[in-house]
Amino acid sequence: MSASLTLLLPPTSRFAGIPLPPVLAKVLGCADRIQTDAGESAQLARHFDLLPRGWPAAALTRLLDAGEDDARHGAWLRADPAHIRPDINGARLLGIGRNLGIEQADIDALLPALRPIFGDAGFLLDAPHPERWYLRLPREARLPAFAAPDEALGDDVFDHIPRGDDARRWRALESEVQITLHNHPHNAARLAAGKVPVNALWFWGGGVLPDAVSSLAPTVYSDDPAVLGAARLSKLQAMPLPAFRDAEGDALVDLRGQRDARALVERWLLPTAEGMRDAVFDFADGQAFTLHPQQRWRFWRRPLSVLSA
């Protein structure tokens, strides 16, 4: 997909119950609508061509946090600090990384206790950024399919534990981590300070840094460190989302992390439709709308009543 403006959006289910303004409903009713592959990895793959294929988020964010020379050494797995709370039906992932208010003091207290667990397995744990902790692995390391935090946050963690022979080792490591963190006095200090304890690490995003990344969009606006890392590797102009101010020319605007669906409609979708510019609305569930000014002559098309299926 190539357009003057491409908006990466959360799934259309996020917009359930939100009425579409008449102008937006008319424009979307006249737009070309297609169904593509669903899921975050598929959505990103439509706009970033990585070799080898995949979306190794840990390696991409490592590039951002420690530089390309560092990120080229070995494979990487995110091991982010997390808070899991038991309940009557299991245990829920209620916080991870930035949701926990992690500071350097937490790293200084917890990493020395956790490093020997992974050192015995041949892995190095470090935290160049308070919210992003990493395991350095051999390039040939075989990893199970770990769930990304956005997929698991708020869910029962047992619905997202990795399966298969490769996963047994990681389940054992996680058990050791949880025991160590449960007994660590620093978590009592966090509780006394009104913070939730760091009682787990969440593994995800494994892989090696791609050999090459390309994209049709010369400018990327995003708050996702992995997207910014991919843009840096491909030598694209990359800026945080707030830097976008009705940019001219081709641009990819990453809005997947925006939680207020009504604000997305009012601040992004509607102004783009009113501006009658070439655009693509790419939703994470695989629905996509391609907009062109000439489509306004499709007077026989009915306005779209709702975004969600």
Protein backbone atom coordinates (compact mmCIF):
# COMPACT_ATOMS: atom_id res chain seq x y z
CA MET A 1 0.00 0.00 0.00
CA SER A 2 1.28 3.44 -0.88
CA ALA A 3 -0.49 6.70 -0.26
CA SER A 4 0.17 10.29 0.56
CA LEU A 5 -0.92 9.58 4.13
CA THR A 6 -1.16 6.15 5.73
CA LEU A 7 -2.69 5.78 9.17
CA LEU A 8 -1.89 2.61 11.12
CA LEU A 9 -4.92 2.08 13.33
CA PRO A 10 -6.11 -0.31 16.07
CA PRO A 11 -8.70 -2.98 15.14
CA THR A 12 -12.12 -1.79 14.01
CA SER A 13 -13.65 -3.50 17.05
CA ARG A 14 -12.19 -0.64 19.12
CA PHE A 15 -14.65 1.69 17.35
CA ALA A 16 -17.79 -0.28 18.25
CA GLY A 17 -20.65 2.00 19.26
CA ILE A 18 -18.96 5.18 17.99
CA PRO A 19 -21.11 6.97 15.37
CA LEU A 20 -19.28 8.16 12.29
CA PRO A 21 -19.58 11.86 11.40
CA PRO A 22 -21.56 12.26 8.14
CA VAL A 23 -18.57 13.45 6.11
CA LEU A 24 -16.43 10.51 7.25
CA ALA A 25 -19.27 8.02 6.72
CA LYS A 26 -19.74 9.29 3.15
CA VAL A 27 -16.03 9.21 2.30
CA LEU A 28 -15.57 5.70 3.69
CA GLY A 29 -18.68 4.50 1.86
CA CYS A 30 -17.11 5.67 -1.40
CA ALA A 31 -13.60 4.37 -0.61
CA ASP A 32 -12.03 1.17 -1.91
CA ARG A 33 -12.29 -1.39 0.88
CA ILE A 34 -10.18 -4.53 1.15
CA GLN A 35 -9.61 -7.26 3.72
CA THR A 36 -5.97 -8.13 4.42
CA ASP A 37 -4.17 -10.26 7.00
CA ALA A 38 -5.01 -9.47 10.62
CA GLY A 39 -2.57 -8.97 13.48
CA GLU A 40 0.13 -6.49 14.43
CA SER A 41 2.94 -8.33 12.65
CA ALA A 42 0.95 -8.56 9.41
CA GLN A 43 -0.04 -4.91 9.67
CA LEU A 44 3.54 -3.75 10.12
CA ALA A 45 4.76 -6.07 7.36
CA ARG A 46 2.51 -4.23 4.90
CA HIS A 47 4.60 -1.11 5.40
CA PHE A 48 8.06 -2.36 6.42
CA ASP A 49 9.85 -4.96 4.30
CA LEU A 50 12.32 -6.80 6.55
CA LEU A 51 14.98 -9.28 5.45
CA PRO A 52 14.77 -11.86 6.87
CA ARG A 53 10.99 -11.71 7.28
CA GLY A 54 9.37 -11.19 10.63
CA TRP A 55 9.12 -8.47 13.25
CA PRO A 56 11.94 -8.96 15.83
CA ALA A 57 10.79 -6.20 18.18
CA ALA A 58 13.51 -6.83 20.77
CA ALA A 59 16.34 -6.41 18.24
CA LEU A 60 14.71 -3.29 16.77
CA THR A 61 14.28 -1.62 20.15
CA ARG A 62 17.79 -2.68 21.14
CA LEU A 63 19.10 -0.73 18.16
CA LEU A 64 17.27 2.31 19.48
CA ASP A 65 18.54 1.84 23.05
CA ALA A 66 22.14 0.71 22.46
CA GLY A 67 23.05 1.37 18.82
CA GLU A 68 23.38 -0.84 15.75
CA ASP A 69 26.83 -2.25 16.56
CA ASP A 70 25.53 -3.60 19.86
CA ALA A 71 22.26 -4.88 18.36
CA ARG A 72 24.12 -6.89 15.70
CA HIS A 73 25.73 -9.12 18.36
CA GLY A 74 23.52 -12.13 18.95
CA ALA A 75 19.77 -12.56 19.13
CA TRP A 76 17.58 -10.56 21.48
CA LEU A 77 14.55 -11.23 23.63
CA ARG A 78 12.69 -8.64 25.64
CA ALA A 79 12.34 -9.60 29.32
CA ASP A 80 10.31 -6.67 30.58
CA PRO A 81 9.45 -6.16 34.27
CA ALA A 82 5.84 -7.14 34.88
CA HIS A 83 3.17 -7.37 37.55
CA ILE A 84 0.93 -10.44 37.59
CA ARG A 85 -1.94 -10.64 40.06
CA PRO A 86 -3.58 -13.95 41.02
CA ASP A 87 -7.37 -14.04 41.00
CA ILE A 88 -10.05 -16.66 41.44
CA ASN A 89 -9.78 -17.78 37.81
CA GLY A 90 -5.99 -17.73 37.37
CA ALA A 91 -3.47 -14.90 37.17
CA ARG A 92 -3.71 -11.70 35.15
CA LEU A 93 -1.01 -9.55 33.58
CA LEU A 94 -1.90 -6.12 34.96
CA GLY A 95 1.23 -4.10 34.26
CA ILE A 96 4.41 -4.21 32.23
CA GLY A 97 7.30 -1.85 31.56
CA ARG A 98 6.12 1.73 31.46
CA ASN A 99 2.87 0.86 33.28
CA LEU A 100 4.88 0.09 36.43
CA GLY A 101 6.85 3.31 36.84
CA ILE A 102 10.19 1.51 36.70
CA GLU A 103 13.17 3.66 37.70
CA GLN A 104 16.92 3.14 37.78
CA ALA A 105 16.68 2.24 41.47
CA ASP A 106 14.53 -0.77 40.54
CA ILE A 107 17.11 -1.90 37.99
CA ASP A 108 19.97 -1.51 40.46
CA ALA A 109 18.11 -3.56 43.07
CA LEU A 110 16.58 -6.35 40.97
CA LEU A 111 19.01 -7.10 38.14
CA PRO A 112 21.83 -8.43 40.37
CA ALA A 113 19.41 -10.99 41.81
CA LEU A 114 18.06 -12.03 38.40
CA ARG A 115 21.25 -12.17 36.34
CA PRO A 116 22.56 -15.48 37.81
CA ILE A 117 19.32 -17.25 36.80
CA PHE A 118 19.95 -16.42 33.17
CA GLY A 119 23.71 -16.58 33.36
CA ASP A 120 23.50 -20.28 34.22
CA ALA A 121 21.49 -20.74 31.02
CA GLY A 122 24.07 -18.82 28.95
CA PHE A 123 22.03 -15.63 28.58
CA LEU A 124 22.91 -12.07 29.58
CA LEU A 125 20.24 -9.87 31.17
CA ASP A 126 20.58 -6.09 31.06
CA ALA A 127 18.40 -2.97 31.04
CA PRO A 128 19.71 -0.02 29.00
CA HIS A 129 16.27 1.57 29.39
CA PRO A 130 14.13 1.31 32.56
CA GLU A 131 11.08 0.12 30.63
CA ARG A 132 12.92 -2.24 28.29
CA TRP A 133 14.93 -5.15 29.67
CA TYR A 134 16.76 -7.57 27.38
CA LEU A 135 18.25 -11.02 27.18
CA ARG A 136 21.18 -11.46 24.80
CA LEU A 137 21.01 -14.95 23.27
CA PRO A 138 23.12 -16.91 20.78
CA ARG A 139 22.05 -16.13 17.22
CA GLU A 140 21.02 -19.74 16.69
CA ALA A 141 18.79 -19.86 19.79
CA ARG A 142 15.42 -21.49 19.18
CA LEU A 143 12.54 -19.58 20.75
CA PRO A 144 8.87 -20.46 21.20
CA ALA A 145 6.14 -18.06 20.14
CA PHE A 146 5.85 -15.50 22.93
CA ALA A 147 2.84 -13.20 23.19
CA ALA A 148 3.40 -9.46 22.87
CA PRO A 149 2.34 -7.41 25.91
CA ASP A 150 -0.53 -5.69 24.08
CA GLU A 151 -2.01 -9.11 23.32
CA ALA A 152 -1.84 -10.30 26.93
CA LEU A 153 -2.35 -7.21 29.08
CA GLY A 154 -5.41 -7.71 31.26
CA ASP A 155 -5.75 -11.38 30.29
CA ASP A 156 -5.13 -14.59 32.18
CA VAL A 157 -1.43 -15.29 31.61
CA PHE A 158 -2.15 -19.01 31.23
CA ASP A 159 -3.95 -18.19 27.99
CA HIS A 160 -0.68 -16.81 26.62
CA ILE A 161 2.04 -19.14 27.91
CA PRO A 162 4.24 -20.57 25.13
CA ARG A 163 3.71 -24.19 24.14
CA GLY A 164 5.92 -26.95 22.78
CA ASP A 165 9.29 -28.47 23.61
CA ASP A 166 11.16 -25.16 23.19
CA ALA A 167 8.89 -23.55 25.78
CA ARG A 168 9.69 -25.85 28.72
CA ARG A 169 13.00 -24.20 29.43
CA TRP A 170 11.41 -20.77 29.45
CA ARG A 171 8.61 -21.80 31.77
CA ALA A 172 11.22 -23.10 34.20
CA LEU A 173 13.21 -19.87 33.97
CA GLU A 174 10.08 -17.81 34.58
CA SER A 175 9.26 -19.88 37.67
CA GLU A 176 12.73 -19.17 39.08
CA VAL A 177 12.31 -15.49 38.29
CA GLN A 178 8.97 -15.28 40.07
CA ILE A 179 10.29 -17.00 43.19
CA THR A 180 13.30 -14.67 43.29
CA LEU A 181 11.19 -11.55 42.84
CA HIS A 182 8.55 -12.67 45.34
CA ASN A 183 11.22 -12.94 48.04
CA HIS A 184 13.14 -9.80 47.11
CA PRO A 185 13.02 -7.02 49.76
CA HIS A 186 12.95 -4.32 47.10
CA ASN A 187 9.36 -5.26 46.28
CA ALA A 188 8.39 -4.60 49.90
CA ALA A 189 9.92 -1.15 49.46
CA ARG A 190 7.88 -0.61 46.29
CA LEU A 191 4.70 -1.57 48.13
CA ALA A 192 5.55 0.81 50.96
CA ALA A 193 5.95 3.55 48.37
CA GLY A 194 2.50 2.84 46.93
CA LYS A 195 3.74 0.95 43.88
CA VAL A 196 2.88 -2.57 42.77
CA PRO A 197 5.64 -5.19 43.03
CA VAL A 198 7.66 -6.37 40.06
CA ASN A 199 6.89 -10.07 40.39
CA ALA A 200 7.59 -11.42 36.89
CA LEU A 201 9.39 -10.83 33.62
CA TRP A 202 7.48 -10.93 30.34
CA PHE A 203 9.38 -12.56 27.47
CA TRP A 204 8.52 -11.41 23.94
CA GLY A 205 9.76 -10.01 20.63
CA GLY A 206 12.65 -12.42 20.06
CA GLY A 207 14.91 -12.46 17.01
CA VAL A 208 17.99 -11.00 15.34
CA LEU A 209 18.37 -7.57 13.85
CA PRO A 210 17.26 -7.63 10.18
CA ASP A 211 19.91 -7.38 7.47
CA ALA A 212 17.81 -4.76 5.70
CA VAL A 213 14.59 -2.80 6.14
CA SER A 214 12.77 -0.80 3.49
CA SER A 215 9.54 1.16 3.34
CA LEU A 216 7.63 3.19 0.76
CA ALA A 217 6.99 5.92 3.32
CA PRO A 218 9.93 8.35 3.60
CA THR A 219 8.69 9.75 6.92
CA VAL A 220 7.39 7.81 9.91
CA TYR A 221 5.63 9.21 12.98
CA SER A 222 5.35 6.76 15.86
CA ASP A 223 5.71 6.31 19.61
CA ASP A 224 6.51 2.59 19.20
CA PRO A 225 10.26 2.06 19.84
CA ALA A 226 10.32 -0.96 17.50
CA VAL A 227 8.85 1.08 14.65
CA LEU A 228 11.34 3.87 15.32
CA GLY A 229 14.14 1.29 15.34
CA ALA A 230 12.99 -0.13 11.99
CA ALA A 231 12.83 3.38 10.56
CA ARG A 232 16.34 4.15 11.77
CA LEU A 233 17.69 0.93 10.27
CA SER A 234 16.12 1.77 6.92
CA LYS A 235 17.42 5.36 7.07
CA LEU A 236 13.90 6.79 7.04
CA GLN A 237 13.09 10.07 8.71
CA ALA A 238 11.48 9.04 12.00
CA MET A 239 9.85 11.27 14.58
CA PRO A 240 7.61 10.84 17.62
CA LEU A 241 3.89 11.06 16.99
CA PRO A 242 3.40 14.55 18.50
CA ALA A 243 5.74 15.94 15.82
CA PHE A 244 3.07 15.32 13.18
CA ARG A 245 1.39 18.59 12.24
CA ASP A 246 -0.60 18.04 9.07
CA ALA A 247 2.56 16.93 7.32
CA GLU A 248 2.78 17.35 3.59
CA GLY A 249 4.03 14.62 1.30
CA ASP A 250 4.11 10.90 1.99
CA ALA A 251 3.97 9.90 5.65
CA LEU A 252 3.19 6.84 7.75
CA VAL A 253 1.45 7.76 11.02
CA ASP A 254 1.35 5.04 13.65
CA LEU A 255 -1.80 5.41 15.78
CA ARG A 256 -2.05 1.83 17.04
CA GLY A 257 -1.23 2.81 20.61
CA GLN A 258 -3.94 5.46 20.89
CA ARG A 259 -6.57 4.21 23.34
CA ASP A 260 -9.34 6.77 22.79
CA ALA A 261 -11.17 5.59 19.68
CA ARG A 262 -13.52 8.58 19.67
CA ALA A 263 -10.53 10.93 19.62
CA LEU A 264 -9.06 8.95 16.71
CA VAL A 265 -12.23 9.54 14.74
CA GLU A 266 -12.43 13.25 15.56
CA ARG A 267 -8.73 14.18 15.37
CA TRP A 268 -7.43 11.90 12.64
CA LEU A 269 -10.00 10.09 10.49
CA LEU A 270 -12.44 12.97 10.05
CA PRO A 271 -9.83 15.68 9.21
CA THR A 272 -8.19 13.33 6.69
CA ALA A 273 -11.56 12.68 5.04
CA GLU A 274 -12.43 16.38 5.01
CA GLY A 275 -9.06 17.19 3.44
CA MET A 276 -9.88 14.94 0.47
CA ARG A 277 -6.27 13.78 0.24
CA ASP A 278 -4.98 10.41 -0.90
CA ALA A 279 -4.86 8.23 2.18
CA VAL A 280 -5.00 4.70 3.52
CA PHE A 281 -6.70 3.73 6.76
CA ASP A 282 -5.05 0.43 7.77
CA PHE A 283 -6.72 -1.29 10.73
CA ALA A 284 -5.01 -3.99 12.80
CA ASP A 285 -7.76 -6.54 12.12
CA GLY A 286 -6.91 -6.46 8.41
CA GLN A 287 -9.60 -4.05 7.18
CA ALA A 288 -8.26 -1.26 5.02
CA PHE A 289 -9.75 1.71 3.18
CA THR A 290 -7.99 3.46 0.30
CA LEU A 291 -9.17 7.05 -0.20
CA HIS A 292 -8.83 9.16 -3.39
CA PRO A 293 -10.42 12.54 -4.11
CA GLN A 294 -12.00 11.17 -7.32
CA GLN A 295 -14.11 8.77 -5.26
CA ARG A 296 -16.46 11.61 -4.31
CA TRP A 297 -18.23 11.05 -7.67
CA ARG A 298 -19.37 7.58 -6.58
CA PHE A 299 -22.77 9.03 -5.71
CA TRP A 300 -24.44 5.59 -5.84
CA ARG A 301 -22.46 4.37 -2.82
CA ARG A 302 -24.14 4.44 0.57
CA PRO A 303 -22.39 6.02 3.56
CA LEU A 304 -20.72 3.57 5.90
CA SER A 305 -22.83 3.19 9.02
CA VAL A 306 -20.20 1.72 11.38
CA LEU A 307 -16.49 0.87 11.29
CA SER A 308 -16.66 -2.30 13.38
CA ALA A 309 -17.74 -5.52 11.73
